[in-house]
Each structure stands twice: as C-alpha cells, then as structure tokens.
Amino acid sequence: IDIKNPASNHHNPGFSDEERGKMT
C-alpha cells in the first residue's frame, strides 16, 4: 500500500524483501 507499483518494484532498493523485513 506504501508504493504505487509494487509488482514492478519488487526486489528494487527500498522495496526488497530484506529491507521490508527489517522494517517489520
């Protein structure tokens, strides 16, 4: 919900699984 195009940005810096996991 925090990004306009989640599918096309998956794994890009700022929306990688690792970074999102650390925010969690």
mmCIF file of all heavy atoms, coordinates in Angstrom:
data_MODEL
# 
_entry.id   MODEL 
# 
loop_
_atom_site.group_PDB 
_atom_site.id 
_atom_site.type_symbol 
_atom_site.label_atom_id 
_atom_site.label_alt_id 
_atom_site.label_comp_id 
_atom_site.label_asym_id 
_atom_site.label_entity_id 
_atom_site.label_seq_id 
_atom_site.pdbx_PDB_ins_code 
_atom_site.Cartn_x 
_atom_site.Cartn_y 
_atom_site.Cartn_z 
_atom_site.occupancy 
_atom_site.B_iso_or_equiv 
_atom_site.pdbx_formal_charge 
_atom_site.auth_seq_id 
_atom_site.auth_comp_id 
_atom_site.auth_asym_id 
_atom_site.auth_atom_id 
_atom_site.pdbx_PDB_model_num 
ATOM 1   N N   . ILE A 1 1  ? 0.825  -1.212  0.000   1.00 0.00 ? 1  ILE A N   1 
ATOM 2   C CA  . ILE A 1 1  ? 0.000  0.000   0.000   1.00 0.00 ? 1  ILE A CA  1 
ATOM 3   C C   . ILE A 1 1  ? 0.858  1.261   0.000   1.00 0.00 ? 1  ILE A C   1 
ATOM 4   O O   . ILE A 1 1  ? 0.385  2.348   -0.365  1.00 0.00 ? 1  ILE A O   1 
ATOM 5   C CB  . ILE A 1 1  ? -0.960 -0.010  1.217   1.00 0.00 ? 1  ILE A CB  1 
ATOM 6   C CG1 . ILE A 1 1  ? -2.072 1.026   1.048   1.00 0.00 ? 1  ILE A CG1 1 
ATOM 7   C CG2 . ILE A 1 1  ? -0.201 0.196   2.515   1.00 0.00 ? 1  ILE A CG2 1 
ATOM 8   C CD1 . ILE A 1 1  ? -3.119 0.985   2.147   1.00 0.00 ? 1  ILE A CD1 1 
ATOM 9   N N   . ASP A 1 2  ? 2.134  1.131   0.370   1.00 0.00 ? 2  ASP A N   1 
ATOM 10  C CA  . ASP A 1 2  ? 3.022  2.275   0.504   1.00 0.00 ? 2  ASP A CA  1 
ATOM 11  C C   . ASP A 1 2  ? 3.796  2.596   -0.772  1.00 0.00 ? 2  ASP A C   1 
ATOM 12  O O   . ASP A 1 2  ? 4.713  3.434   -0.746  1.00 0.00 ? 2  ASP A O   1 
ATOM 13  C CB  . ASP A 1 2  ? 4.011  2.043   1.651   1.00 0.00 ? 2  ASP A CB  1 
ATOM 14  C CG  . ASP A 1 2  ? 3.324  1.892   2.989   1.00 0.00 ? 2  ASP A CG  1 
ATOM 15  O OD1 . ASP A 1 2  ? 2.435  2.703   3.277   1.00 0.00 ? 2  ASP A OD1 1 
ATOM 16  O OD2 . ASP A 1 2  ? 3.668  0.962   3.742   1.00 0.00 ? 2  ASP A OD2 1 
ATOM 17  N N   . ILE A 1 3  ? 3.450  1.973   -1.881  1.00 0.00 ? 3  ILE A N   1 
ATOM 18  C CA  . ILE A 1 3  ? 4.164  2.196   -3.132  1.00 0.00 ? 3  ILE A CA  1 
ATOM 19  C C   . ILE A 1 3  ? 3.188  2.059   -4.289  1.00 0.00 ? 3  ILE A C   1 
ATOM 20  O O   . ILE A 1 3  ? 2.269  1.227   -4.252  1.00 0.00 ? 3  ILE A O   1 
ATOM 21  C CB  . ILE A 1 3  ? 5.349  1.203   -3.260  1.00 0.00 ? 3  ILE A CB  1 
ATOM 22  C CG1 . ILE A 1 3  ? 6.214  1.507   -4.478  1.00 0.00 ? 3  ILE A CG1 1 
ATOM 23  C CG2 . ILE A 1 3  ? 4.898  -0.234  -3.238  1.00 0.00 ? 3  ILE A CG2 1 
ATOM 24  C CD1 . ILE A 1 3  ? 7.512  0.696   -4.497  1.00 0.00 ? 3  ILE A CD1 1 
ATOM 25  N N   . LYS A 1 4  ? 3.368  2.888   -5.300  1.00 0.00 ? 4  LYS A N   1 
ATOM 26  C CA  . LYS A 1 4  ? 2.408  2.911   -6.402  1.00 0.00 ? 4  LYS A CA  1 
ATOM 27  C C   . LYS A 1 4  ? 2.438  1.618   -7.221  1.00 0.00 ? 4  LYS A C   1 
ATOM 28  O O   . LYS A 1 4  ? 1.394  1.083   -7.592  1.00 0.00 ? 4  LYS A O   1 
ATOM 29  C CB  . LYS A 1 4  ? 2.694  4.110   -7.311  1.00 0.00 ? 4  LYS A CB  1 
ATOM 30  C CG  . LYS A 1 4  ? 1.710  4.281   -8.453  1.00 0.00 ? 4  LYS A CG  1 
ATOM 31  C CD  . LYS A 1 4  ? 0.332  4.671   -7.939  1.00 0.00 ? 4  LYS A CD  1 
ATOM 32  C CE  . LYS A 1 4  ? -0.603 5.039   -9.065  1.00 0.00 ? 4  LYS A CE  1 
ATOM 33  N NZ  . LYS A 1 4  ? -1.935 5.473   -8.565  1.00 0.00 ? 4  LYS A NZ  1 
ATOM 34  N N   . ASN A 1 5  ? 3.643  1.147   -7.514  1.00 0.00 ? 5  ASN A N   1 
ATOM 35  C CA  . ASN A 1 5  ? 3.782  -0.021  -8.398  1.00 0.00 ? 5  ASN A CA  1 
ATOM 36  C C   . ASN A 1 5  ? 4.570  -1.126  -7.705  1.00 0.00 ? 5  ASN A C   1 
ATOM 37  O O   . ASN A 1 5  ? 5.750  -1.343  -8.003  1.00 0.00 ? 5  ASN A O   1 
ATOM 38  C CB  . ASN A 1 5  ? 4.471  0.394   -9.707  1.00 0.00 ? 5  ASN A CB  1 
ATOM 39  C CG  . ASN A 1 5  ? 3.677  1.423   -10.480 1.00 0.00 ? 5  ASN A CG  1 
ATOM 40  O OD1 . ASN A 1 5  ? 2.522  1.195   -10.810 1.00 0.00 ? 5  ASN A OD1 1 
ATOM 41  N ND2 . ASN A 1 5  ? 4.294  2.563   -10.756 1.00 0.00 ? 5  ASN A ND2 1 
ATOM 42  N N   . PRO A 1 6  ? 3.936  -1.835  -6.772  1.00 0.00 ? 6  PRO A N   1 
ATOM 43  C CA  . PRO A 1 6  ? 4.681  -2.836  -6.000  1.00 0.00 ? 6  PRO A CA  1 
ATOM 44  C C   . PRO A 1 6  ? 5.238  -3.975  -6.846  1.00 0.00 ? 6  PRO A C   1 
ATOM 45  O O   . PRO A 1 6  ? 6.371  -4.425  -6.613  1.00 0.00 ? 6  PRO A O   1 
ATOM 46  C CB  . PRO A 1 6  ? 3.650  -3.342  -4.983  1.00 0.00 ? 6  PRO A CB  1 
ATOM 47  C CG  . PRO A 1 6  ? 2.323  -2.963  -5.534  1.00 0.00 ? 6  PRO A CG  1 
ATOM 48  C CD  . PRO A 1 6  ? 2.543  -1.717  -6.322  1.00 0.00 ? 6  PRO A CD  1 
ATOM 49  N N   . ALA A 1 7  ? 4.490  -4.446  -7.813  1.00 0.00 ? 7  ALA A N   1 
ATOM 50  C CA  . ALA A 1 7  ? 4.941  -5.615  -8.588  1.00 0.00 ? 7  ALA A CA  1 
ATOM 51  C C   . ALA A 1 7  ? 6.212  -5.305  -9.363  1.00 0.00 ? 7  ALA A C   1 
ATOM 52  O O   . ALA A 1 7  ? 7.187  -6.083  -9.327  1.00 0.00 ? 7  ALA A O   1 
ATOM 53  C CB  . ALA A 1 7  ? 3.834  -6.075  -9.527  1.00 0.00 ? 7  ALA A CB  1 
ATOM 54  N N   . SER A 1 8  ? 6.241  -4.171  -10.045 1.00 0.00 ? 8  SER A N   1 
ATOM 55  C CA  . SER A 1 8  ? 7.404  -3.852  -10.876 1.00 0.00 ? 8  SER A CA  1 
ATOM 56  C C   . SER A 1 8  ? 8.604  -3.392  -10.053 1.00 0.00 ? 8  SER A C   1 
ATOM 57  O O   . SER A 1 8  ? 9.733  -3.365  -10.558 1.00 0.00 ? 8  SER A O   1 
ATOM 58  C CB  . SER A 1 8  ? 7.042  -2.776  -11.906 1.00 0.00 ? 8  SER A CB  1 
ATOM 59  O OG  . SER A 1 8  ? 6.626  -1.586  -11.270 1.00 0.00 ? 8  SER A OG  1 
ATOM 60  N N   . ASN A 1 9  ? 8.384  -3.033  -8.794  1.00 0.00 ? 9  ASN A N   1 
ATOM 61  C CA  . ASN A 1 9  ? 9.493  -2.582  -7.938  1.00 0.00 ? 9  ASN A CA  1 
ATOM 62  C C   . ASN A 1 9  ? 9.983  -3.647  -6.966  1.00 0.00 ? 9  ASN A C   1 
ATOM 63  O O   . ASN A 1 9  ? 10.933 -3.396  -6.212  1.00 0.00 ? 9  ASN A O   1 
ATOM 64  C CB  . ASN A 1 9  ? 9.071  -1.334  -7.154  1.00 0.00 ? 9  ASN A CB  1 
ATOM 65  C CG  . ASN A 1 9  ? 9.141  -0.081  -7.994  1.00 0.00 ? 9  ASN A CG  1 
ATOM 66  O OD1 . ASN A 1 9  ? 10.216 0.363   -8.383  1.00 0.00 ? 9  ASN A OD1 1 
ATOM 67  N ND2 . ASN A 1 9  ? 7.982  0.484   -8.306  1.00 0.00 ? 9  ASN A ND2 1 
ATOM 68  N N   . HIS A 1 10 ? 9.354  -4.810  -6.975  1.00 0.00 ? 10 HIS A N   1 
ATOM 69  C CA  . HIS A 1 10 ? 9.784  -5.886  -6.077  1.00 0.00 ? 10 HIS A CA  1 
ATOM 70  C C   . HIS A 1 10 ? 11.249 -6.203  -6.331  1.00 0.00 ? 10 HIS A C   1 
ATOM 71  O O   . HIS A 1 10 ? 11.669 -6.373  -7.468  1.00 0.00 ? 10 HIS A O   1 
ATOM 72  C CB  . HIS A 1 10 ? 8.913  -7.122  -6.306  1.00 0.00 ? 10 HIS A CB  1 
ATOM 73  C CG  . HIS A 1 10 ? 9.092  -8.169  -5.271  1.00 0.00 ? 10 HIS A CG  1 
ATOM 74  N ND1 . HIS A 1 10 ? 8.870  -9.508  -5.501  1.00 0.00 ? 10 HIS A ND1 1 
ATOM 75  C CD2 . HIS A 1 10 ? 9.480  -8.097  -3.967  1.00 0.00 ? 10 HIS A CD2 1 
ATOM 76  C CE1 . HIS A 1 10 ? 9.100  -10.207 -4.419  1.00 0.00 ? 10 HIS A CE1 1 
ATOM 77  N NE2 . HIS A 1 10 ? 9.475  -9.372  -3.464  1.00 0.00 ? 10 HIS A NE2 1 
ATOM 78  N N   . HIS A 1 11 ? 12.035 -6.255  -5.269  1.00 0.00 ? 11 HIS A N   1 
ATOM 79  C CA  . HIS A 1 11 ? 13.482 -6.514  -5.292  1.00 0.00 ? 11 HIS A CA  1 
ATOM 80  C C   . HIS A 1 11 ? 14.301 -5.274  -5.642  1.00 0.00 ? 11 HIS A C   1 
ATOM 81  O O   . HIS A 1 11 ? 15.527 -5.344  -5.655  1.00 0.00 ? 11 HIS A O   1 
ATOM 82  C CB  . HIS A 1 11 ? 13.852 -7.661  -6.238  1.00 0.00 ? 11 HIS A CB  1 
ATOM 83  C CG  . HIS A 1 11 ? 13.185 -8.965  -5.899  1.00 0.00 ? 11 HIS A CG  1 
ATOM 84  N ND1 . HIS A 1 11 ? 13.256 -9.538  -4.642  1.00 0.00 ? 11 HIS A ND1 1 
ATOM 85  C CD2 . HIS A 1 11 ? 12.422 -9.797  -6.652  1.00 0.00 ? 11 HIS A CD2 1 
ATOM 86  C CE1 . HIS A 1 11 ? 12.566 -10.666 -4.640  1.00 0.00 ? 11 HIS A CE1 1 
ATOM 87  N NE2 . HIS A 1 11 ? 12.047 -10.846 -5.841  1.00 0.00 ? 11 HIS A NE2 1 
ATOM 88  N N   . ASN A 1 12 ? 13.651 -4.147  -5.946  1.00 0.00 ? 12 ASN A N   1 
ATOM 89  C CA  . ASN A 1 12 ? 14.407 -2.911  -6.143  1.00 0.00 ? 12 ASN A CA  1 
ATOM 90  C C   . ASN A 1 12 ? 14.803 -2.323  -4.790  1.00 0.00 ? 12 ASN A C   1 
ATOM 91  O O   . ASN A 1 12 ? 14.157 -2.598  -3.775  1.00 0.00 ? 12 ASN A O   1 
ATOM 92  C CB  . ASN A 1 12 ? 13.575 -1.894  -6.923  1.00 0.00 ? 12 ASN A CB  1 
ATOM 93  C CG  . ASN A 1 12 ? 13.520 -2.194  -8.409  1.00 0.00 ? 12 ASN A CG  1 
ATOM 94  O OD1 . ASN A 1 12 ? 14.322 -2.970  -8.928  1.00 0.00 ? 12 ASN A OD1 1 
ATOM 95  N ND2 . ASN A 1 12 ? 12.582 -1.574  -9.105  1.00 0.00 ? 12 ASN A ND2 1 
ATOM 96  N N   . PRO A 1 13 ? 15.878 -1.508  -4.757  1.00 0.00 ? 13 PRO A N   1 
ATOM 97  C CA  . PRO A 1 13 ? 16.269 -0.881  -3.482  1.00 0.00 ? 13 PRO A CA  1 
ATOM 98  C C   . PRO A 1 13 ? 15.127 -0.059  -2.906  1.00 0.00 ? 13 PRO A C   1 
ATOM 99  O O   . PRO A 1 13 ? 14.504 0.730   -3.611  1.00 0.00 ? 13 PRO A O   1 
ATOM 100 C CB  . PRO A 1 13 ? 17.461 -0.001  -3.869  1.00 0.00 ? 13 PRO A CB  1 
ATOM 101 C CG  . PRO A 1 13 ? 17.415 0.122   -5.355  1.00 0.00 ? 13 PRO A CG  1 
ATOM 102 C CD  . PRO A 1 13 ? 16.766 -1.113  -5.861  1.00 0.00 ? 13 PRO A CD  1 
ATOM 103 N N   . GLY A 1 14 ? 14.851 -0.289  -1.636  1.00 0.00 ? 14 GLY A N   1 
ATOM 104 C CA  . GLY A 1 14 ? 13.741 0.368   -0.973  1.00 0.00 ? 14 GLY A CA  1 
ATOM 105 C C   . GLY A 1 14 ? 12.472 -0.458  -0.937  1.00 0.00 ? 14 GLY A C   1 
ATOM 106 O O   . GLY A 1 14 ? 11.537 -0.134  -0.209  1.00 0.00 ? 14 GLY A O   1 
ATOM 107 N N   . PHE A 1 15 ? 12.437 -1.541  -1.721  1.00 0.00 ? 15 PHE A N   1 
ATOM 108 C CA  . PHE A 1 15 ? 11.269 -2.419  -1.694  1.00 0.00 ? 15 PHE A CA  1 
ATOM 109 C C   . PHE A 1 15 ? 11.683 -3.885  -1.838  1.00 0.00 ? 15 PHE A C   1 
ATOM 110 O O   . PHE A 1 15 ? 10.963 -4.710  -2.385  1.00 0.00 ? 15 PHE A O   1 
ATOM 111 C CB  . PHE A 1 15 ? 10.271 -2.023  -2.785  1.00 0.00 ? 15 PHE A CB  1 
ATOM 112 C CG  . PHE A 1 15 ? 8.869  -2.544  -2.550  1.00 0.00 ? 15 PHE A CG  1 
ATOM 113 C CD1 . PHE A 1 15 ? 8.162  -2.166  -1.416  1.00 0.00 ? 15 PHE A CD1 1 
ATOM 114 C CD2 . PHE A 1 15 ? 8.275  -3.418  -3.446  1.00 0.00 ? 15 PHE A CD2 1 
ATOM 115 C CE1 . PHE A 1 15 ? 6.875  -2.654  -1.183  1.00 0.00 ? 15 PHE A CE1 1 
ATOM 116 C CE2 . PHE A 1 15 ? 6.981  -3.905  -3.231  1.00 0.00 ? 15 PHE A CE2 1 
ATOM 117 C CZ  . PHE A 1 15 ? 6.288  -3.524  -2.095  1.00 0.00 ? 15 PHE A CZ  1 
ATOM 118 N N   . SER A 1 16 ? 12.874 -4.183  -1.353  1.00 0.00 ? 16 SER A N   1 
ATOM 119 C CA  . SER A 1 16 ? 13.322 -5.576  -1.328  1.00 0.00 ? 16 SER A CA  1 
ATOM 120 C C   . SER A 1 16 ? 12.703 -6.290  -0.126  1.00 0.00 ? 16 SER A C   1 
ATOM 121 O O   . SER A 1 16 ? 12.317 -5.657  0.862   1.00 0.00 ? 16 SER A O   1 
ATOM 122 C CB  . SER A 1 16 ? 14.840 -5.656  -1.236  1.00 0.00 ? 16 SER A CB  1 
ATOM 123 O OG  . SER A 1 16 ? 15.290 -5.177  0.030   1.00 0.00 ? 16 SER A OG  1 
ATOM 124 N N   . ASP A 1 17 ? 12.606 -7.602  -0.216  1.00 0.00 ? 17 ASP A N   1 
ATOM 125 C CA  . ASP A 1 17 ? 12.070 -8.378  0.900   1.00 0.00 ? 17 ASP A CA  1 
ATOM 126 C C   . ASP A 1 17 ? 12.905 -8.157  2.159   1.00 0.00 ? 17 ASP A C   1 
ATOM 127 O O   . ASP A 1 17 ? 12.370 -8.102  3.272   1.00 0.00 ? 17 ASP A O   1 
ATOM 128 C CB  . ASP A 1 17 ? 12.044 -9.865  0.548   1.00 0.00 ? 17 ASP A CB  1 
ATOM 129 C CG  . ASP A 1 17 ? 11.064 -10.191 -0.567  1.00 0.00 ? 17 ASP A CG  1 
ATOM 130 O OD1 . ASP A 1 17 ? 10.139 -9.391  -0.793  1.00 0.00 ? 17 ASP A OD1 1 
ATOM 131 O OD2 . ASP A 1 17 ? 11.227 -11.250 -1.211  1.00 0.00 ? 17 ASP A OD2 1 
ATOM 132 N N   . GLU A 1 18 ? 14.225 -8.056  1.974   1.00 0.00 ? 18 GLU A N   1 
ATOM 133 C CA  . GLU A 1 18 ? 15.115 -7.905  3.117   1.00 0.00 ? 18 GLU A CA  1 
ATOM 134 C C   . GLU A 1 18 ? 14.867 -6.584  3.850   1.00 0.00 ? 18 GLU A C   1 
ATOM 135 O O   . GLU A 1 18 ? 14.772 -6.556  5.087   1.00 0.00 ? 18 GLU A O   1 
ATOM 136 C CB  . GLU A 1 18 ? 16.580 -7.984  2.662   1.00 0.00 ? 18 GLU A CB  1 
ATOM 137 C CG  . GLU A 1 18 ? 17.002 -9.341  2.124   1.00 0.00 ? 18 GLU A CG  1 
ATOM 138 C CD  . GLU A 1 18 ? 16.745 -9.500  0.620   1.00 0.00 ? 18 GLU A CD  1 
ATOM 139 O OE1 . GLU A 1 18 ? 15.983 -8.679  0.041   1.00 0.00 ? 18 GLU A OE1 1 
ATOM 140 O OE2 . GLU A 1 18 ? 17.301 -10.441 0.034   1.00 0.00 ? 18 GLU A OE2 1 
ATOM 141 N N   . GLU A 1 19 ? 14.768 -5.502  3.104   1.00 0.00 ? 19 GLU A N   1 
ATOM 142 C CA  . GLU A 1 19 ? 14.557 -4.186  3.727   1.00 0.00 ? 19 GLU A CA  1 
ATOM 143 C C   . GLU A 1 19 ? 13.189 -4.110  4.391   1.00 0.00 ? 19 GLU A C   1 
ATOM 144 O O   . GLU A 1 19 ? 13.060 -3.597  5.514   1.00 0.00 ? 19 GLU A O   1 
ATOM 145 C CB  . GLU A 1 19 ? 14.695 -3.096  2.670   1.00 0.00 ? 19 GLU A CB  1 
ATOM 146 C CG  . GLU A 1 19 ? 16.101 -2.933  2.144   1.00 0.00 ? 19 GLU A CG  1 
ATOM 147 C CD  . GLU A 1 19 ? 16.134 -2.169  0.831   1.00 0.00 ? 19 GLU A CD  1 
ATOM 148 O OE1 . GLU A 1 19 ? 15.411 -2.534  -0.118  1.00 0.00 ? 19 GLU A OE1 1 
ATOM 149 O OE2 . GLU A 1 19 ? 16.889 -1.181  0.766   1.00 0.00 ? 19 GLU A OE2 1 
ATOM 150 N N   . ARG A 1 20 ? 12.191 -4.612  3.721   1.00 0.00 ? 20 ARG A N   1 
ATOM 151 C CA  . ARG A 1 20 ? 10.840 -4.589  4.291   1.00 0.00 ? 20 ARG A CA  1 
ATOM 152 C C   . ARG A 1 20 ? 10.777 -5.452  5.549   1.00 0.00 ? 20 ARG A C   1 
ATOM 153 O O   . ARG A 1 20 ? 10.111 -5.101  6.523   1.00 0.00 ? 20 ARG A O   1 
ATOM 154 C CB  . ARG A 1 20 ? 9.841  -5.062  3.248   1.00 0.00 ? 20 ARG A CB  1 
ATOM 155 C CG  . ARG A 1 20 ? 9.730  -4.113  2.053   1.00 0.00 ? 20 ARG A CG  1 
ATOM 156 C CD  . ARG A 1 20 ? 8.960  -4.736  0.914   1.00 0.00 ? 20 ARG A CD  1 
ATOM 157 N NE  . ARG A 1 20 ? 7.567  -4.964  1.283   1.00 0.00 ? 20 ARG A NE  1 
ATOM 158 C CZ  . ARG A 1 20 ? 6.746  -5.766  0.609   1.00 0.00 ? 20 ARG A CZ  1 
ATOM 159 N NH1 . ARG A 1 20 ? 7.180  -6.450  -0.444  1.00 0.00 ? 20 ARG A NH1 1 
ATOM 160 N NH2 . ARG A 1 20 ? 5.491  -5.910  1.011   1.00 0.00 ? 20 ARG A NH2 1 
ATOM 161 N N   . GLY A 1 21 ? 11.509 -6.555  5.527   1.00 0.00 ? 21 GLY A N   1 
ATOM 162 C CA  . GLY A 1 21 ? 11.559 -7.414  6.706   1.00 0.00 ? 21 GLY A CA  1 
ATOM 163 C C   . GLY A 1 21 ? 12.189 -6.721  7.901   1.00 0.00 ? 21 GLY A C   1 
ATOM 164 O O   . GLY A 1 21 ? 11.736 -6.887  9.041   1.00 0.00 ? 21 GLY A O   1 
ATOM 165 N N   . LYS A 1 22 ? 13.230 -5.936  7.651   1.00 0.00 ? 22 LYS A N   1 
ATOM 166 C CA  . LYS A 1 22 ? 13.874 -5.202  8.741   1.00 0.00 ? 22 LYS A CA  1 
ATOM 167 C C   . LYS A 1 22 ? 12.949 -4.127  9.315   1.00 0.00 ? 22 LYS A C   1 
ATOM 168 O O   . LYS A 1 22 ? 12.967 -3.850  10.516  1.00 0.00 ? 22 LYS A O   1 
ATOM 169 C CB  . LYS A 1 22 ? 15.188 -4.577  8.275   1.00 0.00 ? 22 LYS A CB  1 
ATOM 170 C CG  . LYS A 1 22 ? 16.293 -5.594  8.009   1.00 0.00 ? 22 LYS A CG  1 
ATOM 171 C CD  . LYS A 1 22 ? 16.628 -6.403  9.259   1.00 0.00 ? 22 LYS A CD  1 
ATOM 172 C CE  . LYS A 1 22 ? 17.735 -7.408  9.002   1.00 0.00 ? 22 LYS A CE  1 
ATOM 173 N NZ  . LYS A 1 22 ? 17.961 -8.305  10.163  1.00 0.00 ? 22 LYS A NZ  1 
ATOM 174 N N   . MET A 1 23 ? 12.143 -3.519  8.459   1.00 0.00 ? 23 MET A N   1 
ATOM 175 C CA  . MET A 1 23 ? 11.161 -2.550  8.952   1.00 0.00 ? 23 MET A CA  1 
ATOM 176 C C   . MET A 1 23 ? 10.138 -3.253  9.839   1.00 0.00 ? 23 MET A C   1 
ATOM 177 O O   . MET A 1 23 ? 9.750  -2.723  10.900  1.00 0.00 ? 23 MET A O   1 
ATOM 178 C CB  . MET A 1 23 ? 10.462 -1.862  7.774   1.00 0.00 ? 23 MET A CB  1 
ATOM 179 C CG  . MET A 1 23 ? 9.453  -0.811  8.191   1.00 0.00 ? 23 MET A CG  1 
ATOM 180 S SD  . MET A 1 23 ? 10.170 0.560   9.127   1.00 0.00 ? 23 MET A SD  1 
ATOM 181 C CE  . MET A 1 23 ? 8.956  1.830   8.805   1.00 0.00 ? 23 MET A CE  1 
ATOM 182 N N   . THR A 1 24 ? 9.717  -4.431  9.442   1.00 0.00 ? 24 THR A N   1 
ATOM 183 C CA  . THR A 1 24 ? 8.799  -5.214  10.271  1.00 0.00 ? 24 THR A CA  1 
ATOM 184 C C   . THR A 1 24 ? 9.431  -5.521  11.621  1.00 0.00 ? 24 THR A C   1 
ATOM 185 O O   . THR A 1 24 ? 8.774  -5.392  12.671  1.00 0.00 ? 24 THR A O   1 
ATOM 186 C CB  . THR A 1 24 ? 8.418  -6.522  9.555   1.00 0.00 ? 24 THR A CB  1 
ATOM 187 O OG1 . THR A 1 24 ? 7.734  -6.198  8.330   1.00 0.00 ? 24 THR A OG1 1 
ATOM 188 C CG2 . THR A 1 24 ? 7.513  -7.382  10.418  1.00 0.00 ? 24 THR A CG2 1 
# 
